[in-house]
Amino acid sequence: MLEASMIVVGDEILGGYVTDTNSPWLAERLRAHGVPFTRIHVVPDTSAAIDEALQAELARSRPRLIVTSGGIGSTPDDLTYEAVAASLDRELVEDPVIGERVAGALDWSREQGLDVSEAFAWHLGRMARIPAGSHLLLREGGWAAGVAVDVDGGCDAGGVTIVILPGVPSEFRALMEHAVEPAVLEGRNVVPTVTETEHALPESTLNLAFVELMERWPGVKLGSYPGRPMLIRLSGEPAAVAEATDFVRGAVDELSDTPAGRRLTEAWDGRGSRATDDDPRASATNETATHDEEHA
């Protein structure tokens, strides 16, 4: 089964100046294709940090897609192409398509009266120097490009495909949708069945049922989320998810029909009525923690 990892590159993200929106968006797209998202690294703009994260992901199970975001511009802190090439022990080569775009940008700069020196042109040209053996990722109407680098034959051969994309969210998403998803993700994995069950009981009252569920259906992934109402999400193979869903809903109904269950539901609902309207799910999370602490 194909799995995916991500390396987000940027001092501005680690410094709190910019919020990364690419990784949650990618998580949604991967889920739509049934591809497990197993790791997200956020690293500074240094070659050593990029290499450390990349080597960690290359050592994980295969086939694997590794997506990087950011660090492919022309400024000195844009190091992703160089860092990936060095990590894979590959040379940097100039891509003719990106090179032509860079040449056009240099001509435009000259037309504006800018002194385009050899050093100026060299730095802008860094955007066209990509790891040897890469293939270009383009979309119609877009200026920014990405590249894909296959390791050990890439995903199709049971190896790894590294996709290097811009950090600008609009460009990242467009290249994923138009270039990466059709070539790498579509039809690769079976999309799991997902069920959701809402209830009004304190989350901890169902822990023993959750333990039994995980023992009886180990292939079913369980998620329990505080809120108003509470939410239980199960995912996995259709037949197993159906059985596990019936089991957990039965456990909820059984407890809810007892005197204790009715009192818990009323008390829990009463606590919820005092929550703020701004973010009820966040408020419920805090209240759940308080409830468990008080009854520990």
Protein backbone atom coordinates (compact mmCIF):
# COMPACT_ATOMS: atom_id res chain seq x y z
CA MET A 1 0.00 0.00 0.00
CA LEU A 2 1.28 3.45 -0.92
CA GLU A 3 1.92 5.72 2.08
CA ALA A 4 2.89 9.39 2.13
CA SER A 5 5.09 11.74 4.13
CA MET A 6 5.69 15.48 3.96
CA ILE A 7 8.59 17.82 4.62
CA VAL A 8 7.56 21.45 5.12
CA VAL A 9 10.54 23.79 4.72
CA GLY A 10 10.56 27.27 6.19
CA ASP A 11 11.99 29.36 9.01
CA GLU A 12 8.92 31.59 8.70
CA ILE A 13 6.67 28.70 9.74
CA LEU A 14 8.82 27.66 12.68
CA GLY A 15 9.09 31.32 13.72
CA GLY A 16 5.32 31.71 13.84
CA TYR A 17 5.18 34.32 11.07
CA VAL A 18 3.30 32.07 8.65
CA THR A 19 0.82 29.26 9.29
CA ASP A 20 1.32 26.14 7.22
CA THR A 21 -1.88 25.39 5.32
CA ASN A 22 -0.38 22.96 2.81
CA SER A 23 -0.11 19.95 5.13
CA PRO A 24 -3.77 19.89 6.29
CA TRP A 25 -4.91 20.39 2.70
CA LEU A 26 -2.65 17.55 1.55
CA ALA A 27 -4.02 15.32 4.32
CA GLU A 28 -7.53 15.76 2.92
CA ARG A 29 -6.42 14.95 -0.63
CA LEU A 30 -4.49 11.87 0.47
CA ARG A 31 -7.47 10.63 2.47
CA ALA A 32 -9.67 10.99 -0.61
CA HIS A 33 -7.32 8.57 -2.40
CA GLY A 34 -7.00 6.14 0.51
CA VAL A 35 -3.30 6.97 1.01
CA PRO A 36 -2.21 6.96 4.69
CA PHE A 37 -0.38 10.13 5.73
CA THR A 38 2.21 8.88 8.22
CA ARG A 39 4.64 11.76 8.94
CA ILE A 40 4.90 15.55 8.67
CA HIS A 41 8.25 17.22 9.30
CA VAL A 42 8.56 21.01 9.63
CA VAL A 43 12.20 21.97 9.21
CA PRO A 44 14.25 25.17 8.99
CA ASP A 45 15.86 26.47 5.81
CA THR A 46 19.06 24.45 6.18
CA SER A 47 20.45 21.65 4.07
CA ALA A 48 21.23 19.56 7.16
CA ALA A 49 17.63 19.70 8.41
CA ILE A 50 16.18 18.83 5.01
CA ASP A 51 18.63 15.94 4.64
CA GLU A 52 17.81 14.60 8.12
CA ALA A 53 14.07 14.57 7.42
CA LEU A 54 14.46 13.14 3.92
CA GLN A 55 16.72 10.30 5.03
CA ALA A 56 14.27 9.41 7.81
CA GLU A 57 11.43 9.12 5.28
CA LEU A 58 13.52 7.20 2.73
CA ALA A 59 14.10 4.60 5.46
CA ARG A 60 10.38 4.03 6.07
CA SER A 61 8.14 1.45 4.41
CA ARG A 62 7.68 1.52 0.65
CA PRO A 63 6.15 2.33 -1.79
CA ARG A 64 6.18 5.89 -0.48
CA LEU A 65 5.41 9.38 -1.71
CA ILE A 66 7.42 12.16 -0.05
CA VAL A 67 6.14 15.68 -0.71
CA THR A 68 8.21 18.75 0.09
CA SER A 69 6.78 22.25 0.34
CA GLY A 70 8.81 25.45 0.07
CA GLY A 71 12.40 26.50 -0.47
CA ILE A 72 12.62 26.45 -4.29
CA GLY A 73 12.85 30.18 -5.02
CA SER A 74 15.90 32.25 -5.93
CA THR A 75 16.92 33.72 -2.57
CA PRO A 76 19.93 32.31 -0.68
CA ASP A 77 17.71 30.61 1.91
CA ASP A 78 15.87 28.60 -0.79
CA LEU A 79 17.83 25.36 -0.55
CA THR A 80 15.44 22.50 -1.23
CA TYR A 81 16.68 21.54 -4.71
CA GLU A 82 20.30 21.63 -3.56
CA ALA A 83 19.56 19.79 -0.32
CA VAL A 84 17.57 17.00 -1.99
CA ALA A 85 20.24 16.56 -4.66
CA ALA A 86 23.00 16.34 -2.04
CA SER A 87 20.96 13.96 0.12
CA LEU A 88 20.49 11.64 -2.87
CA ASP A 89 24.12 12.10 -4.00
CA ARG A 90 23.02 13.59 -7.31
CA GLU A 91 24.25 16.51 -9.37
CA LEU A 92 22.20 19.62 -10.08
CA VAL A 93 21.27 20.10 -13.73
CA GLU A 94 19.50 22.98 -15.44
CA ASP A 95 16.00 22.22 -16.66
CA PRO A 96 15.45 23.84 -20.07
CA VAL A 97 11.78 24.67 -19.49
CA ILE A 98 12.38 26.44 -16.18
CA GLY A 99 15.53 27.94 -17.65
CA GLU A 100 13.53 29.52 -20.45
CA ARG A 101 11.13 31.03 -17.93
CA VAL A 102 14.02 32.41 -15.91
CA ALA A 103 15.50 33.92 -19.06
CA GLY A 104 12.19 35.64 -19.74
CA ALA A 105 12.13 37.03 -16.20
CA LEU A 106 15.67 38.37 -16.67
CA ASP A 107 14.70 40.04 -19.96
CA TRP A 108 11.70 41.66 -18.27
CA SER A 109 13.94 42.94 -15.47
CA ARG A 110 16.28 44.51 -18.03
CA GLU A 111 13.33 46.16 -19.74
CA GLN A 112 12.44 47.80 -16.43
CA GLY A 113 15.92 49.32 -16.33
CA LEU A 114 17.42 46.98 -13.75
CA ASP A 115 21.14 46.27 -14.00
CA VAL A 116 21.07 42.51 -14.56
CA SER A 117 24.57 41.45 -13.60
CA GLU A 118 26.02 37.98 -14.00
CA ALA A 119 25.68 37.40 -10.27
CA PHE A 120 22.02 38.55 -10.34
CA ALA A 121 21.28 36.16 -13.21
CA TRP A 122 23.07 33.29 -11.46
CA HIS A 123 20.95 33.58 -8.34
CA LEU A 124 17.68 33.74 -10.27
CA GLY A 125 18.89 30.77 -12.31
CA ARG A 126 19.00 28.65 -9.15
CA MET A 127 15.28 28.09 -9.68
CA ALA A 128 16.11 26.09 -12.83
CA ARG A 129 18.83 23.88 -11.32
CA ILE A 130 17.13 20.67 -10.17
CA PRO A 131 18.36 17.21 -9.03
CA ALA A 132 19.60 15.07 -11.90
CA GLY A 133 17.07 12.51 -13.06
CA SER A 134 14.06 14.61 -12.03
CA HIS A 135 11.06 15.13 -14.26
CA LEU A 136 9.18 18.37 -14.41
CA LEU A 137 5.71 18.95 -12.96
CA LEU A 138 3.74 21.68 -14.72
CA ARG A 139 0.16 22.89 -14.90
CA GLU A 140 -1.56 24.84 -17.62
CA GLY A 141 -1.49 28.56 -16.99
CA GLY A 142 0.92 28.39 -14.06
CA TRP A 143 4.40 29.90 -13.86
CA ALA A 144 5.74 27.98 -10.89
CA ALA A 145 6.93 24.43 -11.48
CA GLY A 146 7.68 21.43 -9.33
CA VAL A 147 9.75 18.33 -9.91
CA ALA A 148 9.45 14.63 -9.11
CA VAL A 149 12.48 12.48 -8.31
CA ASP A 150 12.19 8.69 -8.39
CA VAL A 151 14.32 6.63 -5.99
CA ASP A 152 14.67 2.89 -6.60
CA GLY A 153 12.26 3.09 -9.51
CA GLY A 154 9.72 5.33 -7.76
CA CYS A 155 6.27 4.43 -6.46
CA ASP A 156 5.39 2.34 -9.51
CA ALA A 157 8.29 -0.02 -8.82
CA GLY A 158 7.85 -0.20 -5.06
CA GLY A 159 10.34 2.56 -4.36
CA VAL A 160 9.99 6.22 -3.43
CA THR A 161 8.86 9.26 -5.40
CA ILE A 162 9.94 12.62 -4.00
CA VAL A 163 7.76 15.50 -5.17
CA ILE A 164 9.30 18.96 -4.66
CA LEU A 165 6.70 21.73 -4.77
CA PRO A 166 6.51 25.48 -4.12
CA GLY A 167 5.36 26.62 -0.70
CA VAL A 168 2.87 29.19 -2.03
CA PRO A 169 -0.46 27.48 -1.24
CA SER A 170 -2.19 28.28 -4.55
CA GLU A 171 0.72 26.87 -6.56
CA PHE A 172 1.22 23.90 -4.24
CA ARG A 173 -2.43 22.89 -4.53
CA ALA A 174 -2.69 23.43 -8.27
CA LEU A 175 0.38 21.30 -8.99
CA MET A 176 -0.83 18.55 -6.66
CA GLU A 177 -4.28 18.46 -8.27
CA HIS A 178 -3.20 18.71 -11.90
CA ALA A 179 0.19 16.98 -11.96
CA VAL A 180 0.71 14.75 -8.92
CA GLU A 181 -2.70 13.26 -8.15
CA PRO A 182 -3.38 11.91 -11.68
CA ALA A 183 0.11 10.44 -12.02
CA VAL A 184 0.82 9.14 -8.53
CA LEU A 185 -2.32 8.88 -6.40
CA GLU A 186 -5.37 8.02 -8.50
CA GLY A 187 -6.35 4.36 -8.35
CA ARG A 188 -3.35 3.44 -6.23
CA ASN A 189 -5.06 2.39 -2.98
CA VAL A 190 -8.49 1.22 -1.91
CA VAL A 191 -10.36 4.08 -0.24
CA PRO A 192 -11.43 2.93 3.24
CA THR A 193 -15.02 2.95 4.45
CA VAL A 194 -15.68 5.62 7.10
CA THR A 195 -18.57 5.78 9.57
CA GLU A 196 -19.36 8.43 12.18
CA THR A 197 -21.43 8.00 15.32
CA GLU A 198 -22.54 10.92 17.48
CA HIS A 199 -23.46 10.59 21.15
CA ALA A 200 -24.00 12.68 24.28
CA LEU A 201 -22.01 10.70 26.84
CA PRO A 202 -18.69 11.69 28.44
CA GLU A 203 -15.95 10.26 26.26
CA SER A 204 -14.24 8.27 29.03
CA THR A 205 -17.37 6.23 29.77
CA LEU A 206 -16.83 4.34 26.50
CA ASN A 207 -13.16 3.47 27.00
CA LEU A 208 -13.78 -0.19 27.81
CA ALA A 209 -15.99 -0.55 24.73
CA PHE A 210 -13.22 1.05 22.68
CA VAL A 211 -10.68 -1.43 24.05
CA GLU A 212 -12.90 -4.36 23.09
CA LEU A 213 -13.53 -2.87 19.66
CA MET A 214 -9.80 -2.58 18.97
CA GLU A 215 -9.21 -6.15 20.12
CA ARG A 216 -12.00 -7.64 18.01
CA TRP A 217 -11.39 -5.55 14.87
CA PRO A 218 -7.66 -4.66 14.87
CA GLY A 219 -7.79 -3.48 11.27
CA VAL A 220 -10.37 -0.79 12.05
CA LYS A 221 -9.00 2.64 12.90
CA LEU A 222 -10.76 4.32 15.82
CA GLY A 223 -11.01 8.02 16.54
CA SER A 224 -12.99 9.56 19.41
CA TYR A 225 -13.41 13.34 19.41
CA PRO A 226 -14.83 15.65 22.09
CA GLY A 227 -17.58 18.06 21.07
CA ARG A 228 -21.28 18.83 21.23
CA PRO A 229 -22.20 16.13 20.32
CA MET A 230 -19.28 13.75 20.84
CA LEU A 231 -18.07 11.93 17.75
CA ILE A 232 -16.74 8.43 17.12
CA ARG A 233 -15.15 7.82 13.71
CA LEU A 234 -14.25 4.36 12.40
CA SER A 235 -12.44 3.59 9.15
CA GLY A 236 -11.18 0.51 7.37
CA GLU A 237 -12.40 -2.47 5.35
CA PRO A 238 -16.19 -2.26 4.73
CA ALA A 239 -17.33 -5.46 6.45
CA ALA A 240 -15.16 -4.93 9.53
CA VAL A 241 -16.21 -1.28 9.83
CA ALA A 242 -19.88 -2.26 9.59
CA GLU A 243 -19.51 -4.81 12.39
CA ALA A 244 -17.48 -2.46 14.57
CA THR A 245 -19.96 0.36 14.01
CA ASP A 246 -22.87 -1.83 15.09
CA PHE A 247 -20.90 -2.81 18.18
CA VAL A 248 -20.01 0.72 19.25
CA ARG A 249 -23.51 2.06 18.58
CA GLY A 250 -24.91 -0.81 20.64
CA ALA A 251 -22.56 0.10 23.48
CA VAL A 252 -23.66 3.73 23.32
CA ASP A 253 -27.35 2.79 23.29
CA GLU A 254 -26.95 0.29 26.11
CA LEU A 255 -25.25 2.78 28.41
CA SER A 256 -27.56 5.62 27.43
CA ASP A 257 -30.61 3.53 28.46
CA THR A 258 -29.37 2.93 32.01
CA PRO A 259 -30.23 5.28 34.90
CA ALA A 260 -26.56 6.22 35.19
CA GLY A 261 -26.34 6.82 31.47
CA ARG A 262 -29.36 9.10 31.52
CA ARG A 263 -27.95 11.08 34.44
CA LEU A 264 -24.55 11.35 32.75
CA THR A 265 -26.15 12.55 29.54
CA GLU A 266 -28.20 15.18 31.37
CA ALA A 267 -25.23 16.35 33.43
CA TRP A 268 -22.93 16.41 30.44
CA ASP A 269 -25.50 18.31 28.37
CA GLY A 270 -25.90 20.80 31.19
CA ARG A 271 -22.17 21.47 31.20
CA GLY A 272 -22.34 22.02 27.46
CA SER A 273 -25.06 24.67 27.79
CA ARG A 274 -22.56 26.82 29.70
CA ALA A 275 -19.93 26.61 26.96
CA THR A 276 -19.17 29.66 24.86
CA ASP A 277 -20.74 29.98 21.45
CA ASP A 278 -17.46 31.01 19.82
CA ASP A 279 -15.88 27.57 19.65
CA PRO A 280 -18.10 24.95 21.28
CA ARG A 281 -15.93 22.02 20.21
CA ALA A 282 -12.82 23.62 21.69
CA SER A 283 -14.73 24.42 24.86
CA ALA A 284 -15.94 20.84 25.07
CA THR A 285 -12.35 19.63 24.79
CA ASN A 286 -11.37 21.69 27.81
CA GLU A 287 -14.43 20.52 29.75
CA THR A 288 -13.66 16.89 28.95
CA ALA A 289 -10.18 17.29 30.40
CA THR A 290 -11.64 18.93 33.51
CA HIS A 291 -14.21 16.13 33.91
CA ASP A 292 -11.54 13.45 33.74
CA GLU A 293 -9.29 15.31 36.17
CA GLU A 294 -12.10 15.75 38.67
CA HIS A 295 -12.95 12.04 38.53
CA ALA A 296 -9.45 10.61 38.25
